[in-house]
Amino acid sequence: MDASQPQRVDVDVILSSSELDAGEIDEAARTLRSELLDLDVEDVRAQRGGAAPPGTRGVDAEVIGQLVVGIGPSLTALRQLLETVRGWRSDRRQLGISVRIGEDHIELTDASPESERQLVDEFLRRHRPA
């Protein structure tokens, strides 16, 4: 790989809810995926869970409510992704959303809009390109 090429960053976006069933969470993830594809992202795909259970034909199964968003290394791309997720969640407060890069993550669950903004700002500070 050419060192001068910008590096892709994979951001995990995980939806959860104690009020919704698996089908509703899956539908919400598909809706969010559609919205994220309108951003300047490399791709948005369902998280894969590894090998399918014995006795099934699948190679690997999608994990319900989990997306992987491929973005460029810029802080602008990450900010755009996070603000879109926050805005999308504002109409769906029954959903919790966790955003993770590597081992670092933030939880957008049961927080006020101001608290969410602060969490996002701090997350962005931690992920500034070197």
Protein backbone atom coordinates (compact mmCIF):
# COMPACT_ATOMS: atom_id res chain seq x y z
CA MET A 1 0.00 0.00 0.00
CA ASP A 2 1.30 3.46 -0.90
CA ALA A 3 2.12 5.46 2.25
CA SER A 4 1.01 8.67 0.51
CA GLN A 5 -2.53 7.31 0.08
CA PRO A 6 -4.98 8.42 2.76
CA GLN A 7 -5.98 5.61 5.08
CA ARG A 8 -9.54 4.43 5.40
CA VAL A 9 -11.14 4.51 8.85
CA ASP A 10 -13.86 2.00 9.74
CA VAL A 11 -16.43 3.36 12.17
CA ASP A 12 -18.80 0.91 13.85
CA VAL A 13 -22.34 2.21 14.42
CA ILE A 14 -24.37 -0.03 16.73
CA LEU A 15 -28.09 0.42 17.38
CA SER A 16 -29.80 -0.95 20.48
CA SER A 17 -33.14 -0.66 22.21
CA SER A 18 -35.00 -2.34 25.04
CA GLU A 19 -38.27 -1.16 23.47
CA LEU A 20 -37.86 -2.56 19.96
CA ASP A 21 -37.62 -6.13 18.72
CA ALA A 22 -34.87 -7.44 16.44
CA GLY A 23 -36.91 -6.81 13.29
CA GLU A 24 -37.54 -3.18 14.23
CA ILE A 25 -33.86 -2.64 15.07
CA ASP A 26 -32.89 -4.21 11.74
CA GLU A 27 -35.32 -1.92 9.89
CA ALA A 28 -33.92 1.11 11.75
CA ALA A 29 -30.37 0.08 10.78
CA ARG A 30 -31.41 -0.21 7.13
CA THR A 31 -32.99 3.24 7.27
CA LEU A 32 -29.87 4.73 8.87
CA ARG A 33 -27.67 2.96 6.29
CA SER A 34 -29.65 4.57 3.49
CA GLU A 35 -29.17 8.01 5.03
CA LEU A 36 -25.44 7.46 5.62
CA LEU A 37 -24.94 6.45 2.00
CA ASP A 38 -25.92 10.03 1.07
CA LEU A 39 -22.78 11.27 2.85
CA ASP A 40 -19.29 11.39 1.38
CA VAL A 41 -18.38 7.93 2.71
CA GLU A 42 -16.54 5.08 1.06
CA ASP A 43 -19.20 2.54 2.01
CA VAL A 44 -21.75 1.49 4.61
CA ARG A 45 -22.16 -2.22 5.18
CA ALA A 46 -23.72 -4.54 7.72
CA GLN A 47 -21.37 -5.89 10.35
CA ARG A 48 -20.60 -9.55 9.76
CA GLY A 49 -20.77 -11.96 12.66
CA GLY A 50 -18.46 -14.69 11.46
CA ALA A 51 -19.38 -18.22 10.53
CA ALA A 52 -23.04 -19.09 10.22
CA PRO A 53 -24.47 -21.56 12.74
CA PRO A 54 -23.98 -25.28 12.01
CA GLY A 55 -26.65 -26.73 9.73
CA THR A 56 -27.22 -23.44 7.86
CA ARG A 57 -25.98 -22.56 4.41
CA GLY A 58 -24.64 -19.05 4.98
CA VAL A 59 -20.94 -18.28 5.06
CA ASP A 60 -21.34 -15.51 7.58
CA ALA A 61 -24.34 -13.74 9.02
CA GLU A 62 -25.14 -10.05 9.40
CA VAL A 63 -25.27 -8.78 12.95
CA ILE A 64 -28.61 -7.05 13.52
CA GLY A 65 -28.37 -3.33 14.13
CA GLN A 66 -24.65 -3.02 13.44
CA LEU A 67 -23.13 -1.08 10.57
CA VAL A 68 -19.55 -0.43 9.51
CA VAL A 69 -19.02 2.93 7.83
CA GLY A 70 -15.83 3.39 5.82
CA ILE A 71 -14.66 7.00 5.80
CA GLY A 72 -11.52 8.86 4.82
CA PRO A 73 -9.12 9.94 7.55
CA SER A 74 -10.31 13.55 7.76
CA LEU A 75 -11.92 15.00 10.86
CA THR A 76 -14.55 16.56 8.59
CA ALA A 77 -15.74 13.13 7.44
CA LEU A 78 -15.98 11.88 11.02
CA ARG A 79 -17.81 15.01 12.16
CA GLN A 80 -20.29 14.72 9.28
CA LEU A 81 -20.95 11.07 10.16
CA LEU A 82 -21.45 11.80 13.87
CA GLU A 83 -23.72 14.79 13.29
CA THR A 84 -25.83 12.78 10.85
CA VAL A 85 -26.19 9.95 13.38
CA ARG A 86 -27.15 12.44 16.12
CA GLY A 87 -29.70 14.14 13.88
CA TRP A 88 -31.17 10.84 12.74
CA ARG A 89 -31.49 9.66 16.35
CA SER A 90 -33.27 12.87 17.43
CA ASP A 91 -36.51 11.47 15.96
CA ARG A 92 -35.83 7.99 17.35
CA ARG A 93 -35.03 8.53 21.02
CA GLN A 94 -36.01 4.92 21.85
CA LEU A 95 -32.79 3.85 20.09
CA GLY A 96 -29.40 3.93 21.69
CA ILE A 97 -26.45 4.32 19.36
CA SER A 98 -22.86 3.43 20.08
CA VAL A 99 -20.16 4.73 17.74
CA ARG A 100 -16.77 3.01 17.88
CA ILE A 101 -13.37 3.39 16.28
CA GLY A 102 -11.07 0.64 17.47
CA GLU A 103 -11.39 0.44 21.25
CA ASP A 104 -12.71 4.00 21.66
CA HIS A 105 -16.45 4.59 21.64
CA ILE A 106 -19.24 6.92 22.63
CA GLU A 107 -22.78 6.05 23.67
CA LEU A 108 -25.65 8.22 22.47
CA THR A 109 -28.26 6.86 24.84
CA ASP A 110 -30.54 8.76 27.22
CA ALA A 111 -28.43 11.90 26.96
CA SER A 112 -29.67 15.42 26.38
CA PRO A 113 -28.85 16.98 23.01
CA GLU A 114 -26.26 19.20 24.76
CA SER A 115 -24.62 16.18 26.43
CA GLU A 116 -24.57 14.34 23.11
CA ARG A 117 -22.90 17.32 21.45
CA GLN A 118 -20.23 17.35 24.16
CA LEU A 119 -19.64 13.61 23.76
CA VAL A 120 -19.27 14.04 20.00
CA ASP A 121 -16.88 16.99 20.38
CA GLU A 122 -14.68 15.04 22.80
CA PHE A 123 -14.69 11.98 20.54
CA LEU A 124 -13.64 14.17 17.62
CA ARG A 125 -10.77 15.64 19.68
CA ARG A 126 -9.51 12.15 20.42
CA HIS A 127 -9.52 11.24 16.71
CA ARG A 128 -7.84 14.24 15.15
CA PRO A 129 -5.42 13.13 12.45
CA ALA A 130 -1.81 13.23 13.63
